Amino acid sequence: MEFIDLIEKHKSNAANIAVIVISLIVANRIYGMQNANTAVINGKIKTESSRNAILADISRAEKQMGAIKKLVNKKDMNSIVGNLQTIARDNSITIVSLKPQSEKPLADYTRYPYNFSITGTYHKIGKFISKLESSPDIYMIENINFRTSTDTKDKDKKDLLQVDVSISTLKIKD
């Protein structure tokens, strides 16, 4: 009888304990589901952050390309010959011949090639080539051929070199 009295006495406590245990089980399951949802959301945040970083890189690259395009396209195609003559004159180089070639349109830009022959000393030709490559008009040397001057009887022309140069410059299409 004591056992039955004990059960009767703590009957309400047992019901309370059962409700608490069931509540803890439900709360644990809700917590587990929320943790899973949080992990999914964190994965999505990481993916979106990665995409945002890639988009920022693309935006920077587009801005750089725009700046390069402005730099490359700012030249006046009609003044190229004059610019080449100025660079040659400033470096004591004689232009023997200068032949613009036909422009070559490509997918994203148009190439404007030029062939010319110059004479000068080795060091003056080196300075000329250096100035040509560092020009803001952006020239690309495609071919260069050195040979000694054919007029070796004249002492002043003995140290001169004759150089055939092929260059091109570009204009980026819009």
Protein backbone atom coordinates (compact mmCIF):
# COMPACT_ATOMS: atom_id res chain seq x y z
CA MET A 1 0.00 0.00 0.00
CA GLU A 2 2.75 2.33 0.60
CA PHE A 3 3.71 2.06 -3.02
CA ILE A 4 0.25 2.96 -4.21
CA ASP A 5 0.15 5.88 -1.79
CA LEU A 6 3.47 7.05 -3.08
CA ILE A 7 2.23 6.92 -6.66
CA GLU A 8 -0.97 8.76 -5.73
CA LYS A 9 0.99 11.37 -3.88
CA HIS A 10 3.42 12.06 -6.77
CA LYS A 11 0.94 11.50 -9.60
CA SER A 12 0.87 15.20 -10.55
CA ASN A 13 4.67 15.40 -10.37
CA ALA A 14 5.02 12.44 -12.73
CA ALA A 15 2.71 14.12 -15.24
CA ASN A 16 4.75 17.30 -14.95
CA ILE A 17 7.98 15.36 -15.49
CA ALA A 18 6.49 13.63 -18.56
CA VAL A 19 5.43 17.00 -20.02
CA ILE A 20 8.91 18.42 -19.37
CA VAL A 21 10.61 15.41 -21.01
CA ILE A 22 8.32 15.64 -24.07
CA SER A 23 8.97 19.40 -24.26
CA LEU A 24 12.73 18.80 -24.13
CA ILE A 25 12.50 16.23 -26.94
CA VAL A 26 10.45 18.62 -29.13
CA ALA A 27 12.80 21.55 -28.36
CA ASN A 28 15.82 19.38 -29.27
CA ARG A 29 14.26 18.46 -32.63
CA ILE A 30 13.39 22.11 -33.37
CA TYR A 31 16.95 23.10 -32.44
CA GLY A 32 18.38 20.43 -34.77
CA MET A 33 16.21 21.59 -37.68
CA GLN A 34 17.20 25.23 -37.08
CA ASN A 35 20.88 24.24 -37.02
CA ALA A 36 20.42 22.49 -40.37
CA ASN A 37 18.66 25.58 -41.80
CA THR A 38 21.43 27.81 -40.45
CA ALA A 39 24.07 25.63 -42.12
CA VAL A 40 22.20 25.85 -45.45
CA ILE A 41 21.88 29.63 -45.13
CA ASN A 42 25.57 29.96 -44.23
CA GLY A 43 26.45 27.91 -47.34
CA LYS A 44 24.29 30.22 -49.48
CA ILE A 45 25.94 33.27 -47.91
CA LYS A 46 29.38 31.86 -48.71
CA THR A 47 28.34 31.14 -52.32
CA GLU A 48 26.86 34.62 -52.78
CA SER A 49 29.96 36.23 -51.23
CA SER A 50 32.10 34.30 -53.70
CA ARG A 51 29.88 35.45 -56.58
CA ASN A 52 30.05 39.05 -55.35
CA ALA A 53 33.86 38.87 -55.25
CA ILE A 54 33.92 37.55 -58.81
CA LEU A 55 31.55 40.30 -59.95
CA ALA A 56 33.75 42.91 -58.25
CA ASP A 57 36.79 41.48 -60.10
CA ILE A 58 34.89 41.64 -63.38
CA SER A 59 33.87 45.23 -62.68
CA ARG A 60 37.50 46.19 -61.94
CA ALA A 61 38.64 44.45 -65.13
CA GLU A 62 36.00 46.31 -67.16
CA LYS A 63 37.16 49.64 -65.69
CA GLN A 64 40.79 48.79 -66.49
CA MET A 65 39.81 47.77 -70.03
CA GLY A 66 37.97 51.08 -70.44
CA ALA A 67 41.06 52.99 -69.31
CA ILE A 68 43.29 50.98 -71.65
CA LYS A 69 40.84 51.52 -74.50
CA LYS A 70 40.90 55.29 -73.91
CA LEU A 71 44.71 55.26 -73.86
CA VAL A 72 45.02 53.16 -77.01
CA ASN A 73 42.29 54.99 -78.93
CA LYS A 74 43.33 58.56 -78.07
CA LYS A 75 45.87 58.66 -80.91
CA ASP A 76 45.10 60.37 -84.18
CA MET A 77 45.75 57.83 -86.92
CA ASN A 78 46.61 60.64 -89.36
CA SER A 79 49.45 61.89 -87.15
CA ILE A 80 51.28 58.54 -86.77
CA VAL A 81 53.75 59.32 -89.58
CA GLY A 82 54.47 62.74 -88.08
CA ASN A 83 55.02 61.17 -84.65
CA LEU A 84 57.45 58.63 -86.12
CA GLN A 85 59.35 61.43 -87.88
CA THR A 86 59.53 63.46 -84.67
CA ILE A 87 60.88 60.51 -82.68
CA ALA A 88 63.46 59.86 -85.43
CA ARG A 89 64.52 63.51 -85.61
CA ASP A 90 64.83 63.76 -81.81
CA ASN A 91 67.20 60.77 -81.86
CA SER A 92 69.27 61.84 -84.92
CA ILE A 93 67.90 59.02 -87.06
CA THR A 94 67.30 59.37 -90.78
CA ILE A 95 64.14 57.81 -92.15
CA VAL A 96 65.02 56.50 -95.61
CA SER A 97 61.54 55.22 -96.41
CA LEU A 98 58.22 54.97 -94.62
CA LYS A 99 55.36 52.89 -96.02
CA PRO A 100 52.02 52.62 -94.28
CA GLN A 101 50.48 49.23 -94.99
CA SER A 102 46.79 48.48 -95.36
CA GLU A 103 44.87 48.34 -92.10
CA LYS A 104 43.91 44.91 -90.83
CA PRO A 105 40.52 44.78 -89.11
CA LEU A 106 40.27 41.99 -86.57
CA ALA A 107 37.48 40.93 -84.21
CA ASP A 108 38.04 43.44 -81.40
CA TYR A 109 40.51 45.92 -82.86
CA THR A 110 42.07 47.22 -86.06
CA ARG A 111 45.80 46.87 -86.63
CA TYR A 112 47.65 49.62 -88.52
CA PRO A 113 51.04 48.32 -89.76
CA TYR A 114 53.95 50.44 -91.02
CA ASN A 115 57.24 49.44 -92.65
CA PHE A 116 60.16 51.82 -92.66
CA SER A 117 63.92 51.91 -93.19
CA ILE A 118 66.20 54.06 -91.07
CA THR A 119 69.91 54.78 -90.80
CA GLY A 120 71.91 55.77 -87.76
CA THR A 121 74.54 54.59 -85.34
CA TYR A 122 73.94 51.56 -83.18
CA HIS A 123 73.36 53.61 -80.00
CA LYS A 124 71.11 56.18 -81.70
CA ILE A 125 69.02 53.39 -83.20
CA GLY A 126 68.78 51.83 -79.74
CA LYS A 127 67.52 55.13 -78.28
CA PHE A 128 65.07 55.49 -81.18
CA ILE A 129 63.66 52.00 -80.59
CA SER A 130 63.42 52.70 -76.84
CA LYS A 131 61.51 55.96 -77.46
CA LEU A 132 59.29 54.20 -79.96
CA GLU A 133 58.39 51.47 -77.46
CA SER A 134 57.77 53.96 -74.64
CA SER A 135 55.66 56.28 -76.80
CA PRO A 136 52.16 57.00 -75.51
CA ASP A 137 50.86 56.06 -78.98
CA ILE A 138 51.72 52.39 -78.26
CA TYR A 139 53.73 50.93 -81.12
CA MET A 140 54.56 47.24 -81.33
CA ILE A 141 57.74 46.27 -83.10
CA GLU A 142 56.96 43.18 -85.12
CA ASN A 143 60.18 42.78 -87.09
CA ILE A 144 63.56 44.44 -87.13
CA ASN A 145 66.47 43.72 -89.47
CA PHE A 146 69.94 45.30 -89.00
CA ARG A 147 72.60 45.50 -91.72
CA THR A 148 75.74 47.53 -92.18
CA SER A 149 75.70 50.56 -94.39
CA THR A 150 76.52 49.87 -98.03
CA ASP A 151 78.47 53.12 -98.33
CA THR A 152 81.61 52.19 -96.35
CA LYS A 153 83.98 54.46 -98.34
CA ASP A 154 82.74 57.61 -96.60
CA LYS A 155 84.25 57.76 -93.06
CA ASP A 156 81.18 59.52 -91.66
CA LYS A 157 78.91 56.72 -92.86
CA LYS A 158 81.20 53.86 -91.81
CA ASP A 159 79.56 53.42 -88.39
CA LEU A 160 76.02 53.75 -89.72
CA LEU A 161 73.58 50.86 -89.74
CA GLN A 162 70.63 50.43 -92.03
CA VAL A 163 67.61 49.03 -90.25
CA ASP A 164 64.32 47.79 -91.67
CA VAL A 165 61.54 47.96 -89.11
CA SER A 166 57.96 46.68 -89.17
CA ILE A 167 55.70 48.15 -86.51
CA SER A 168 52.00 48.34 -85.88
CA THR A 169 49.65 50.26 -83.70
CA LEU A 170 46.11 49.38 -82.67
CA LYS A 171 42.74 50.99 -82.34
CA ILE A 172 40.18 49.08 -80.25
CA LYS A 173 36.69 48.84 -81.71
CA ASP A 174 33.72 50.13 -79.76
